[in-house]
Amino acid sequence: MPKLAICTASDTNLFYLVKGLILSLRRVLPLYQAEVIFFDLGCTQPELAWLEARTHRIITPKDDLNVAGLPGYAPHKLGLTIRPFLPRYAPGYDIYLWIDADAWVQDSTVIQYYLRGAENGAAAVSPEVDIAYPFMQHLPSAIQFHRYKFGQWTEAFGEDIARRMSLLPLVNAGVYAINADPLLWEKWSENFRLTLRKGMTGLCDQVALQKTLVELNRVHALPSRANWMCHYALPQKRSDDGVWIEPRLSGQPIGIVHLVAAVRRESYLRYGLLYEGGDYLSPEEVPENLREAFLAGRRRPVIGEGASA
């Protein structure tokens, strides 16, 4: 079995979310001989003490791409720029699996998908495509989403590349697995530097990764349940066992629940979408503006919930 590093990053503002991710990995580590690498973007000493007891290594990242001072920069955005440099920060692993702080693992078997793709020399990623996502069947949503993609690609690489690349589904960079071979990592860092000519754009890490994968033809596409994008469609909770599933008839259990977009966090908490419903948190650990939603989510029924928040 390959030696696996599971990497993530957070500052104190997202600690209540990354805490759920770390706890959700307890079932994963023994199955896959994995170790957790945490990148500290500005956590408090008590938070770091909690992490030290539950991770294998804590790293303070550097400004690898010299982004400090660029338009759009903020200290926590080093969590984007470190992604192409994971083997440099933590050498000695066969495969690096990145999981964003705002995600958590529900079904540990999904890790197999990422390992198989990465073992074959590709990047195992989940395209942002599913029939439940509104832009797949609602024309106004599709038009709006395509304009958004085109704008992001244009900001990063210019209109010529945007006209071609925006035709593809977005590849999400919040969860990915790549093996230790330097080819993908080096090309990703090169493309990332190109996106920074006008500052840090919204999807700078993501479009740089996708351009790399297309150029090298090294994409191992995974199903949407391997990285469910909750801002597109809220999951359903299965009535018999409380497992989160895809929001459609015969929906399958979701492997990784990804709570994308800060503007949606209140609805996620109110809907009870945190790992174990947030049972591991006290209200004081949740940002003050989200505590009411957090407490409302804790009061939701355990079973029999539908798809609407």
C-alpha atoms as a PDB file:
ATOM      1  CA  MET A   1       0.000   0.000   0.000  1.00  0.00           C
ATOM      2  CA  PRO A   2       1.391   3.465  -0.905  1.00  0.00           C
ATOM      3  CA  LYS A   3       2.460   5.800   1.860  1.00  0.00           C
ATOM      4  CA  LEU A   4      -0.258   8.449   1.940  1.00  0.00           C
ATOM      5  CA  ALA A   5      -0.118  12.012   3.260  1.00  0.00           C
ATOM      6  CA  ILE A   6      -3.479  13.686   3.835  1.00  0.00           C
ATOM      7  CA  CYS A   7      -2.934  17.431   3.837  1.00  0.00           C
ATOM      8  CA  THR A   8      -5.101  20.363   4.858  1.00  0.00           C
ATOM      9  CA  ALA A   9      -4.751  23.935   6.111  1.00  0.00           C
ATOM     10  CA  SER A  10      -6.677  26.399   8.230  1.00  0.00           C
ATOM     11  CA  ASP A  11      -6.548  29.572  10.254  1.00  0.00           C
ATOM     12  CA  THR A  12      -8.472  30.180  13.462  1.00  0.00           C
ATOM     13  CA  ASN A  13     -11.561  31.345  11.559  1.00  0.00           C
ATOM     14  CA  LEU A  14     -12.084  27.910  10.021  1.00  0.00           C
ATOM     15  CA  PHE A  15     -10.886  25.849  12.963  1.00  0.00           C
ATOM     16  CA  TYR A  16     -14.440  24.749  13.808  1.00  0.00           C
ATOM     17  CA  LEU A  17     -14.616  23.212  10.311  1.00  0.00           C
ATOM     18  CA  VAL A  18     -11.133  21.697  10.089  1.00  0.00           C
ATOM     19  CA  LYS A  19     -11.709  20.141  13.496  1.00  0.00           C
ATOM     20  CA  GLY A  20     -14.538  18.135  11.937  1.00  0.00           C
ATOM     21  CA  LEU A  21     -12.323  17.081   9.041  1.00  0.00           C
ATOM     22  CA  ILE A  22      -9.574  15.848  11.377  1.00  0.00           C
ATOM     23  CA  LEU A  23     -12.063  13.895  13.469  1.00  0.00           C
ATOM     24  CA  SER A  24     -13.672  12.401  10.354  1.00  0.00           C
ATOM     25  CA  LEU A  25     -10.271  11.052   9.288  1.00  0.00           C
ATOM     26  CA  ARG A  26     -10.047   8.743  12.303  1.00  0.00           C
ATOM     27  CA  ARG A  27     -11.621   5.915  10.290  1.00  0.00           C
ATOM     28  CA  VAL A  28      -9.414   6.616   7.278  1.00  0.00           C
ATOM     29  CA  LEU A  29      -5.931   6.540   8.772  1.00  0.00           C
ATOM     30  CA  PRO A  30      -5.800   2.872   9.886  1.00  0.00           C
ATOM     31  CA  LEU A  31      -7.295   1.658   6.586  1.00  0.00           C
ATOM     32  CA  TYR A  32      -4.817   3.455   4.360  1.00  0.00           C
ATOM     33  CA  GLN A  33      -1.686   3.788   6.522  1.00  0.00           C
ATOM     34  CA  ALA A  34      -2.105   7.530   6.131  1.00  0.00           C
ATOM     35  CA  GLU A  35      -0.583  10.433   8.026  1.00  0.00           C
ATOM     36  CA  VAL A  36      -2.147  13.879   8.438  1.00  0.00           C
ATOM     37  CA  ILE A  37      -0.110  16.981   7.604  1.00  0.00           C
ATOM     38  CA  PHE A  38      -1.586  20.268   8.801  1.00  0.00           C
ATOM     39  CA  PHE A  39      -0.544  23.679   7.470  1.00  0.00           C
ATOM     40  CA  ASP A  40      -1.000  26.417  10.048  1.00  0.00           C
ATOM     41  CA  LEU A  41      -2.367  29.610   8.488  1.00  0.00           C
ATOM     42  CA  GLY A  42      -2.904  31.359  11.802  1.00  0.00           C
ATOM     43  CA  CYS A  43      -4.367  29.145  14.521  1.00  0.00           C
ATOM     44  CA  THR A  44      -4.232  29.927  18.221  1.00  0.00           C
ATOM     45  CA  GLN A  45      -1.970  28.032  20.623  1.00  0.00           C
ATOM     46  CA  PRO A  46      -4.858  26.023  22.149  1.00  0.00           C
ATOM     47  CA  GLU A  47      -5.978  25.075  18.634  1.00  0.00           C
ATOM     48  CA  LEU A  48      -2.465  24.017  17.696  1.00  0.00           C
ATOM     49  CA  ALA A  49      -2.241  21.935  20.861  1.00  0.00           C
ATOM     50  CA  TRP A  50      -5.447  20.130  19.873  1.00  0.00           C
ATOM     51  CA  LEU A  51      -4.028  19.550  16.384  1.00  0.00           C
ATOM     52  CA  GLU A  52      -0.660  18.320  17.668  1.00  0.00           C
ATOM     53  CA  ALA A  53      -2.436  15.507  19.490  1.00  0.00           C
ATOM     54  CA  ARG A  54      -4.338  14.413  16.367  1.00  0.00           C
ATOM     55  CA  THR A  55      -2.043  15.037  13.389  1.00  0.00           C
ATOM     56  CA  HIS A  56       1.408  13.803  12.462  1.00  0.00           C
ATOM     57  CA  ARG A  57       3.006  17.102  11.557  1.00  0.00           C
ATOM     58  CA  ILE A  58       2.206  20.825  11.664  1.00  0.00           C
ATOM     59  CA  ILE A  59       3.914  23.092   9.136  1.00  0.00           C
ATOM     60  CA  THR A  60       3.970  26.877   8.873  1.00  0.00           C
ATOM     61  CA  PRO A  61       3.952  27.559   5.124  1.00  0.00           C
ATOM     62  CA  LYS A  62       6.117  30.004   3.208  1.00  0.00           C
ATOM     63  CA  ASP A  63       5.113  32.409   0.483  1.00  0.00           C
ATOM     64  CA  ASP A  64       6.217  30.034  -2.278  1.00  0.00           C
ATOM     65  CA  LEU A  65       4.816  32.117  -5.133  1.00  0.00           C
ATOM     66  CA  ASN A  66       5.584  35.587  -3.732  1.00  0.00           C
ATOM     67  CA  VAL A  67       1.947  36.602  -3.470  1.00  0.00           C
ATOM     68  CA  ALA A  68       2.187  38.839  -0.394  1.00  0.00           C
ATOM     69  CA  GLY A  69       1.183  42.308  -1.468  1.00  0.00           C
ATOM     70  CA  LEU A  70      -0.568  41.219  -4.669  1.00  0.00           C
ATOM     71  CA  PRO A  71      -4.174  42.348  -5.268  1.00  0.00           C
ATOM     72  CA  GLY A  72      -6.525  39.862  -3.625  1.00  0.00           C
ATOM     73  CA  TYR A  73      -3.918  38.569  -1.171  1.00  0.00           C
ATOM     74  CA  ALA A  74      -4.742  37.699   2.424  1.00  0.00           C
ATOM     75  CA  PRO A  75      -2.603  35.579   4.788  1.00  0.00           C
ATOM     76  CA  HIS A  76      -5.039  32.669   4.763  1.00  0.00           C
ATOM     77  CA  LYS A  77      -4.692  32.465   0.956  1.00  0.00           C
ATOM     78  CA  LEU A  78      -1.307  30.837   1.394  1.00  0.00           C
ATOM     79  CA  GLY A  79      -3.526  27.784   1.743  1.00  0.00           C
ATOM     80  CA  LEU A  80      -3.979  28.044  -2.034  1.00  0.00           C
ATOM     81  CA  THR A  81      -0.391  28.698  -3.037  1.00  0.00           C
ATOM     82  CA  ILE A  82       1.168  25.843  -1.046  1.00  0.00           C
ATOM     83  CA  ARG A  83      -0.815  23.222  -2.948  1.00  0.00           C
ATOM     84  CA  PRO A  84       1.650  22.652  -5.811  1.00  0.00           C
ATOM     85  CA  PHE A  85       4.497  22.248  -3.298  1.00  0.00           C
ATOM     86  CA  LEU A  86       3.279  19.498  -0.976  1.00  0.00           C
ATOM     87  CA  PRO A  87       6.132  17.053  -1.798  1.00  0.00           C
ATOM     88  CA  ARG A  88       8.641  19.797  -1.033  1.00  0.00           C
ATOM     89  CA  TYR A  89       7.091  20.516   2.369  1.00  0.00           C
ATOM     90  CA  ALA A  90       6.617  16.874   3.329  1.00  0.00           C
ATOM     91  CA  PRO A  91       8.928  14.597   1.322  1.00  0.00           C
ATOM     92  CA  GLY A  92       8.877  10.842   1.599  1.00  0.00           C
ATOM     93  CA  TYR A  93       5.273  10.027   0.715  1.00  0.00           C
ATOM     94  CA  ASP A  94       4.037   8.169  -2.358  1.00  0.00           C
ATOM     95  CA  ILE A  95       0.732  10.026  -2.718  1.00  0.00           C
ATOM     96  CA  TYR A  96      -0.510  13.385  -1.458  1.00  0.00           C
ATOM     97  CA  LEU A  97      -4.238  13.800  -0.847  1.00  0.00           C
ATOM     98  CA  TRP A  98      -5.374  17.352  -0.212  1.00  0.00           C
ATOM     99  CA  ILE A  99      -8.750  17.971   1.493  1.00  0.00           C
ATOM    100  CA  ASP A 100      -9.949  21.521   2.144  1.00  0.00           C
ATOM    101  CA  ALA A 101     -10.703  22.558   5.709  1.00  0.00           C
ATOM    102  CA  ASP A 102     -14.390  23.005   4.845  1.00  0.00           C
ATOM    103  CA  ALA A 103     -14.822  19.347   3.872  1.00  0.00           C
ATOM    104  CA  TRP A 104     -15.149  16.123   5.843  1.00  0.00           C
ATOM    105  CA  VAL A 105     -15.016  12.421   5.027  1.00  0.00           C
ATOM    106  CA  GLN A 106     -18.267  10.509   5.475  1.00  0.00           C
ATOM    107  CA  ASP A 107     -17.442   7.290   3.566  1.00  0.00           C
ATOM    108  CA  SER A 108     -13.804   6.277   3.986  1.00  0.00           C
ATOM    109  CA  THR A 109     -13.937   3.911   1.003  1.00  0.00           C
ATOM    110  CA  VAL A 110     -13.906   6.959  -1.305  1.00  0.00           C
ATOM    111  CA  ILE A 111     -10.197   7.342  -0.534  1.00  0.00           C
ATOM    112  CA  GLN A 112      -9.617   4.255  -2.712  1.00  0.00           C
ATOM    113  CA  TYR A 113     -10.792   6.245  -5.746  1.00  0.00           C
ATOM    114  CA  TYR A 114      -8.197   8.921  -5.128  1.00  0.00           C
ATOM    115  CA  LEU A 115      -5.399   6.419  -4.523  1.00  0.00           C
ATOM    116  CA  ARG A 116      -6.086   4.430  -7.679  1.00  0.00           C
ATOM    117  CA  GLY A 117      -6.081   7.507  -9.863  1.00  0.00           C
ATOM    118  CA  ALA A 118      -2.916   8.924  -8.339  1.00  0.00           C
ATOM    119  CA  GLU A 119      -1.087   5.572  -8.465  1.00  0.00           C
ATOM    120  CA  ASN A 120      -1.552   5.584 -12.244  1.00  0.00           C
ATOM    121  CA  GLY A 121       0.242   8.914 -12.586  1.00  0.00           C
ATOM    122  CA  ALA A 122      -2.805  11.141 -13.021  1.00  0.00           C
ATOM    123  CA  ALA A 123      -4.365  13.659 -10.686  1.00  0.00           C
ATOM    124  CA  ALA A 124      -7.490  12.167  -9.142  1.00  0.00           C
ATOM    125  CA  VAL A 125     -10.046  14.973  -9.060  1.00  0.00           C
ATOM    126  CA  SER A 126     -13.798  15.432  -9.145  1.00  0.00           C
ATOM    127  CA  PRO A 127     -15.212  17.669 -11.910  1.00  0.00           C
ATOM    128  CA  GLU A 128     -17.974  19.996 -10.763  1.00  0.00           C
ATOM    129  CA  VAL A 129     -20.648  18.073 -12.657  1.00  0.00           C
ATOM    130  CA  ASP A 130     -23.756  16.276 -11.442  1.00  0.00           C
ATOM    131  CA  ILE A 131     -27.338  16.065 -12.675  1.00  0.00           C
ATOM    132  CA  ALA A 132     -28.450  17.501  -9.323  1.00  0.00           C
ATOM    133  CA  TYR A 133     -26.414  20.682  -9.829  1.00  0.00           C
ATOM    134  CA  PRO A 134     -28.744  23.419 -11.171  1.00  0.00           C
ATOM    135  CA  PHE A 135     -26.632  24.439 -14.175  1.00  0.00           C
ATOM    136  CA  MET A 136     -26.968  20.906 -15.580  1.00  0.00           C
ATOM    137  CA  GLN A 137     -30.670  21.258 -16.351  1.00  0.00           C
ATOM    138  CA  HIS A 138     -31.720  24.888 -15.784  1.00  0.00           C
ATOM    139  CA  LEU A 139     -30.758  27.077 -18.742  1.00  0.00           C
ATOM    140  CA  PRO A 140     -30.482  30.444 -16.909  1.00  0.00           C
ATOM    141  CA  SER A 141     -28.236  28.795 -14.307  1.00  0.00           C
ATOM    142  CA  ALA A 142     -26.147  27.208 -17.057  1.00  0.00           C
ATOM    143  CA  ILE A 143     -25.672  30.543 -18.817  1.00  0.00           C
ATOM    144  CA  GLN A 144     -24.748  32.291 -15.567  1.00  0.00           C
ATOM    145  CA  PHE A 145     -22.314  29.546 -14.608  1.00  0.00           C
ATOM    146  CA  HIS A 146     -20.629  29.547 -18.008  1.00  0.00           C
ATOM    147  CA  ARG A 147     -20.153  33.311 -17.798  1.00  0.00           C
ATOM    148  CA  TYR A 148     -18.610  32.852 -14.373  1.00  0.00           C
ATOM    149  CA  LYS A 149     -16.207  30.190 -15.659  1.00  0.00           C
ATOM    150  CA  PHE A 150     -15.273  32.298 -18.669  1.00  0.00           C
ATOM    151  CA  GLY A 151     -14.588  35.267 -16.403  1.00  0.00           C
ATOM    152  CA  GLN A 152     -12.344  33.243 -14.113  1.00  0.00           C
ATOM    153  CA  TRP A 153     -10.359  31.768 -16.996  1.00  0.00           C
ATOM    154  CA  THR A 154     -10.055  35.186 -18.633  1.00  0.00           C
ATOM    155  CA  GLU A 155      -8.768  36.779 -15.434  1.00  0.00           C
ATOM    156  CA  ALA A 156      -6.172  34.069 -15.044  1.00  0.00           C
ATOM    157  CA  PHE A 157      -5.000  33.370 -18.599  1.00  0.00           C
ATOM    158  CA  GLY A 158      -6.690  35.751 -21.045  1.00  0.00           C
ATOM    159  CA  GLU A 159      -9.585  35.396 -23.469  1.00  0.00           C
ATOM    160  CA  ASP A 160      -7.939  33.050 -25.984  1.00  0.00           C
ATOM    161  CA  ILE A 161      -7.384  30.325 -23.417  1.00  0.00           C
ATOM    162  CA  ALA A 162     -10.704  31.127 -21.724  1.00  0.00           C
ATOM    163  CA  ARG A 163     -12.688  30.463 -24.920  1.00  0.00           C
ATOM    164  CA  ARG A 164     -11.354  26.898 -24.997  1.00  0.00           C
ATOM    165  CA  MET A 165     -10.982  25.973 -21.356  1.00  0.00           C
ATOM    166  CA  SER A 166     -14.312  27.383 -20.174  1.00  0.00           C
ATOM    167  CA  LEU A 167     -16.068  24.791 -22.369  1.00  0.00           C
ATOM    168  CA  LEU A 168     -14.891  22.109 -19.935  1.00  0.00           C
ATOM    169  CA  PRO A 169     -16.454  21.406 -16.544  1.00  0.00           C
ATOM    170  CA  LEU A 170     -14.476  22.985 -13.739  1.00  0.00           C
ATOM    171  CA  VAL A 171     -12.129  20.642 -11.901  1.00  0.00           C
ATOM    172  CA  ASN A 172     -12.345  21.267  -8.176  1.00  0.00           C
ATOM    173  CA  ALA A 173      -8.999  21.751  -6.412  1.00  0.00           C
ATOM    174  CA  GLY A 174     -10.450  21.451  -2.920  1.00  0.00           C
ATOM    175  CA  VAL A 175      -9.908  17.690  -2.921  1.00  0.00           C
ATOM    176  CA  TYR A 176      -7.273  16.015  -5.095  1.00  0.00           C
ATOM    177  CA  ALA A 177      -4.673  13.255  -5.024  1.00  0.00           C
ATOM    178  CA  ILE A 178      -1.365  13.284  -6.926  1.00  0.00           C
ATOM    179  CA  ASN A 179       1.622  10.974  -6.612  1.00  0.00           C
ATOM    180  CA  ALA A 180       5.131  12.149  -5.766  1.00  0.00           C
ATOM    181  CA  ASP A 181       6.389  12.300  -9.370  1.00  0.00           C
ATOM    182  CA  PRO A 182       7.471  15.926  -9.904  1.00  0.00           C
ATOM    183  CA  LEU A 183       5.969  16.359 -13.396  1.00  0.00           C
ATOM    184  CA  LEU A 184       2.484  17.464 -12.367  1.00  0.00           C
ATOM    185  CA  TRP A 185       3.642  19.489  -9.396  1.00  0.00           C
ATOM    186  CA  GLU A 186       6.218  21.480 -11.369  1.00  0.00           C
ATOM    187  CA  LYS A 187       3.865  22.205 -14.255  1.00  0.00           C
ATOM    188  CA  TRP A 188       1.124  23.233 -11.823  1.00  0.00           C
ATOM    189  CA  SER A 189       3.442  25.714 -10.104  1.00  0.00           C
ATOM    190  CA  GLU A 190       4.428  27.154 -13.511  1.00  0.00           C
ATOM    191  CA  ASN A 191       0.800  27.655 -14.507  1.00  0.00           C
ATOM    192  CA  PHE A 192      -0.007  29.058 -11.077  1.00  0.00           C
ATOM    193  CA  ARG A 193       2.639  31.752 -11.532  1.00  0.00           C
ATOM    194  CA  LEU A 194       0.999  32.735 -14.815  1.00  0.00           C
ATOM    195  CA  THR A 195      -2.331  33.327 -13.074  1.00  0.00           C
ATOM    196  CA  LEU A 196      -0.743  35.842 -10.685  1.00  0.00           C
ATOM    197  CA  ARG A 197       0.128  38.501 -13.248  1.00  0.00           C
ATOM    198  CA  LYS A 198      -2.914  40.551 -12.199  1.00  0.00           C
ATOM    199  CA  GLY A 199      -3.103  39.345  -8.600  1.00  0.00           C
ATOM    200  CA  MET A 200      -4.788  36.455  -6.853  1.00  0.00           C
ATOM    201  CA  THR A 201      -7.987  35.670  -8.720  1.00  0.00           C
ATOM    202  CA  GLY A 202     -10.842  33.723  -7.190  1.00  0.00           C
ATOM    203  CA  LEU A 203      -9.967  30.362  -8.738  1.00  0.00           C
ATOM    204  CA  CYS A 204      -6.239  30.874  -9.332  1.00  0.00           C
ATOM    205  CA  ASP A 205      -5.211  27.511  -7.881  1.00  0.00           C
ATOM    206  CA  GLN A 206      -8.054  25.656  -9.544  1.00  0.00           C
ATOM    207  CA  VAL A 207      -7.700  26.899 -13.112  1.00  0.00           C
ATOM    208  CA  ALA A 208      -3.914  26.503 -12.883  1.00  0.00           C
ATOM    209  CA  LEU A 209      -4.381  22.866 -11.885  1.00  0.00           C
ATOM    210  CA  GLN A 210      -6.954  22.215 -14.589  1.00  0.00           C
ATOM    211  CA  LYS A 211      -4.795  23.788 -17.316  1.00  0.00           C
ATOM    212  CA  THR A 212      -1.941  21.548 -16.170  1.00  0.00           C
ATOM    213  CA  LEU A 213      -4.027  18.395 -16.277  1.00  0.00           C
ATOM    214  CA  VAL A 214      -5.375  19.168 -19.735  1.00  0.00           C
ATOM    215  CA  GLU A 215      -1.931  20.002 -21.121  1.00  0.00           C
ATOM    216  CA  LEU A 216      -0.400  16.809 -19.708  1.00  0.00           C
ATOM    217  CA  ASN A 217      -3.500  14.663 -20.234  1.00  0.00           C
ATOM    218  CA  ARG A 218      -3.235  13.415 -16.658  1.00  0.00           C
ATOM    219  CA  VAL A 219      -6.838  13.617 -15.407  1.00  0.00           C
ATOM    220  CA  HIS A 220      -8.457  10.782 -13.471  1.00  0.00           C
ATOM    221  CA  ALA A 221     -12.038  12.028 -13.113  1.00  0.00           C
ATOM    222  CA  LEU A 222     -14.000  10.844 -10.089  1.00  0.00           C
ATOM    223  CA  PRO A 223     -17.771  10.857  -9.539  1.00  0.00           C
ATOM    224  CA  SER A 224     -19.350  13.847  -7.860  1.00  0.00           C
ATOM    225  CA  ARG A 225     -19.988  11.950  -4.636  1.00  0.00           C
ATOM    226  CA  ALA A 226     -16.211  11.768  -4.176  1.00  0.00           C
ATOM    227  CA  ASN A 227     -16.315  15.536  -3.559  1.00  0.00           C
ATOM    228  CA  TRP A 228     -19.903  16.715  -3.206  1.00  0.00           C
ATOM    229  CA  MET A 229     -20.199  20.464  -3.768  1.00  0.00           C
ATOM    230  CA  CYS A 230     -22.884  21.490  -1.305  1.00  0.00           C
ATOM    231  CA  HIS A 231     -23.238  25.055  -2.606  1.00  0.00           C
ATOM    232  CA  TYR A 232     -24.662  23.617  -5.827  1.00  0.00           C
ATOM    233  CA  ALA A 233     -27.079  21.154  -4.220  1.00  0.00           C
ATOM    234  CA  LEU A 234     -27.669  20.258  -0.587  1.00  0.00           C
ATOM    235  CA  PRO A 235     -27.467  16.534   0.130  1.00  0.00           C
ATOM    236  CA  GLN A 236     -30.350  14.534   1.538  1.00  0.00           C
ATOM    237  CA  LYS A 237     -30.170  12.610   4.786  1.00  0.00           C
ATOM    238  CA  ARG A 238     -31.227   8.984   4.404  1.00  0.00           C
ATOM    239  CA  SER A 239     -34.130   8.220   6.700  1.00  0.00           C
ATOM    240  CA  ASP A 240     -33.055   4.800   7.954  1.00  0.00           C
ATOM    241  CA  ASP A 241     -29.482   5.522   9.044  1.00  0.00           C
ATOM    242  CA  GLY A 242     -28.906   9.278   8.807  1.00  0.00           C
ATOM    243  CA  VAL A 243     -26.278   8.981   6.027  1.00  0.00           C
ATOM    244  CA  TRP A 244     -25.951  11.942   3.665  1.00  0.00           C
ATOM    245  CA  ILE A 245     -26.733  10.907   0.084  1.00  0.00           C
ATOM    246  CA  GLU A 246     -26.956  12.500  -3.355  1.00  0.00           C
ATOM    247  CA  PRO A 247     -30.246  14.472  -3.603  1.00  0.00           C
ATOM    248  CA  ARG A 248     -32.053  12.341  -6.156  1.00  0.00           C
ATOM    249  CA  LEU A 249     -33.909   9.047  -6.438  1.00  0.00           C
ATOM    250  CA  SER A 250     -31.590   6.156  -5.559  1.00  0.00           C
ATOM    251  CA  GLY A 251     -28.989   8.651  -4.360  1.00  0.00           C
ATOM    252  CA  GLN A 252     -25.694   7.070  -3.290  1.00  0.00           C
ATOM    253  CA  PRO A 253     -23.847   7.864  -0.046  1.00  0.00           C
ATOM    254  CA  ILE A 254     -21.574  10.864  -0.378  1.00  0.00           C
ATOM    255  CA  GLY A 255     -17.901  10.161   0.237  1.00  0.00           C
ATOM    256  CA  ILE A 256     -16.621  13.664   0.994  1.00  0.00           C
ATOM    257  CA  VAL A 257     -19.032  16.427   2.005  1.00  0.00           C
ATOM    258  CA  HIS A 258     -17.604  19.754   0.816  1.00  0.00           C
ATOM    259  CA  LEU A 259     -19.125  22.849   2.453  1.00  0.00           C
ATOM    260  CA  VAL A 260     -18.071  25.253  -0.292  1.00  0.00           C
ATOM    261  CA  ALA A 261     -18.590  29.045  -0.133  1.00  0.00           C
ATOM    262  CA  ALA A 262     -18.479  31.164   3.001  1.00  0.00           C
ATOM    263  CA  VAL A 263     -21.795  32.821   2.131  1.00  0.00           C
ATOM    264  CA  ARG A 264     -23.518  29.440   2.444  1.00  0.00           C
ATOM    265  CA  ARG A 265     -22.133  28.457   5.849  1.00  0.00           C
ATOM    266  CA  GLU A 266     -25.123  29.692   7.789  1.00  0.00           C
ATOM    267  CA  SER A 267     -27.430  27.468   5.736  1.00  0.00           C
ATOM    268  CA  TYR A 268     -25.045  24.504   6.121  1.00  0.00           C
ATOM    269  CA  LEU A 269     -25.040  24.834   9.892  1.00  0.00           C
ATOM    270  CA  ARG A 270     -28.780  25.318  10.034  1.00  0.00           C
ATOM    271  CA  TYR A 271     -29.181  22.201   7.916  1.00  0.00           C
ATOM    272  CA  GLY A 272     -26.959  20.168  10.244  1.00  0.00           C
ATOM    273  CA  LEU A 273     -24.288  19.419   7.616  1.00  0.00           C
ATOM    274  CA  LEU A 274     -21.265  19.451   9.912  1.00  0.00           C
ATOM    275  CA  TYR A 275     -19.464  16.210  10.703  1.00  0.00           C
ATOM    276  CA  GLU A 276     -21.613  14.304  13.224  1.00  0.00           C
ATOM    277  CA  GLY A 277     -23.934  17.313  13.174  1.00  0.00           C
ATOM    278  CA  GLY A 278     -21.328  19.345  15.036  1.00  0.00           C
ATOM    279  CA  ASP A 279     -21.582  17.268  18.221  1.00  0.00           C
ATOM    280  CA  TYR A 280     -17.848  17.778  18.778  1.00  0.00           C
ATOM    281  CA  LEU A 281     -18.287  21.562  19.060  1.00  0.00           C
ATOM    282  CA  SER A 282     -19.463  23.862  21.796  1.00  0.00           C
ATOM    283  CA  PRO A 283     -21.396  26.960  20.635  1.00  0.00           C
ATOM    284  CA  GLU A 284     -18.456  29.113  21.737  1.00  0.00           C
ATOM    285  CA  GLU A 285     -16.200  27.428  19.154  1.00  0.00           C
ATOM    286  CA  VAL A 286     -18.451  28.553  16.305  1.00  0.00           C
ATOM    287  CA  PRO A 287     -18.140  32.136  14.986  1.00  0.00           C
ATOM    288  CA  GLU A 288     -20.603  34.339  16.829  1.00  0.00           C
ATOM    289  CA  ASN A 289     -22.568  35.251  13.710  1.00  0.00           C
ATOM    290  CA  LEU A 290     -23.184  31.544  13.015  1.00  0.00           C
ATOM    291  CA  ARG A 291     -24.106  30.314  16.496  1.00  0.00           C
ATOM    292  CA  GLU A 292     -27.857  30.666  16.074  1.00  0.00           C
ATOM    293  CA  ALA A 293     -27.724  28.609  12.875  1.00  0.00           C
ATOM    294  CA  PHE A 294     -25.430  26.060  14.551  1.00  0.00           C
ATOM    295  CA  LEU A 295     -27.841  25.578  17.450  1.00  0.00           C
ATOM    296  CA  ALA A 296     -30.782  25.310  15.064  1.00  0.00           C
ATOM    297  CA  GLY A 297     -28.933  22.613  13.128  1.00  0.00           C
ATOM    298  CA  ARG A 298     -28.241  20.698  16.312  1.00  0.00           C
ATOM    299  CA  ARG A 299     -31.995  20.599  16.970  1.00  0.00           C
ATOM    300  CA  ARG A 300     -32.872  19.133  13.571  1.00  0.00           C
ATOM    301  CA  PRO A 301     -34.304  15.585  13.510  1.00  0.00           C
ATOM    302  CA  VAL A 302     -31.673  12.917  13.008  1.00  0.00           C
ATOM    303  CA  ILE A 303     -33.622  11.060  10.320  1.00  0.00           C
ATOM    304  CA  GLY A 304     -36.266  11.724   7.712  1.00  0.00           C
ATOM    305  CA  GLU A 305     -34.888  15.008   6.417  1.00  0.00           C
ATOM    306  CA  GLY A 306     -35.511  16.202   2.868  1.00  0.00           C
ATOM    307  CA  ALA A 307     -33.419  18.184   0.418  1.00  0.00           C
ATOM    308  CA  SER A 308     -34.536  21.706   1.225  1.00  0.00           C
ATOM    309  CA  ALA A 309     -32.958  23.815   3.924  1.00  0.00           C
END
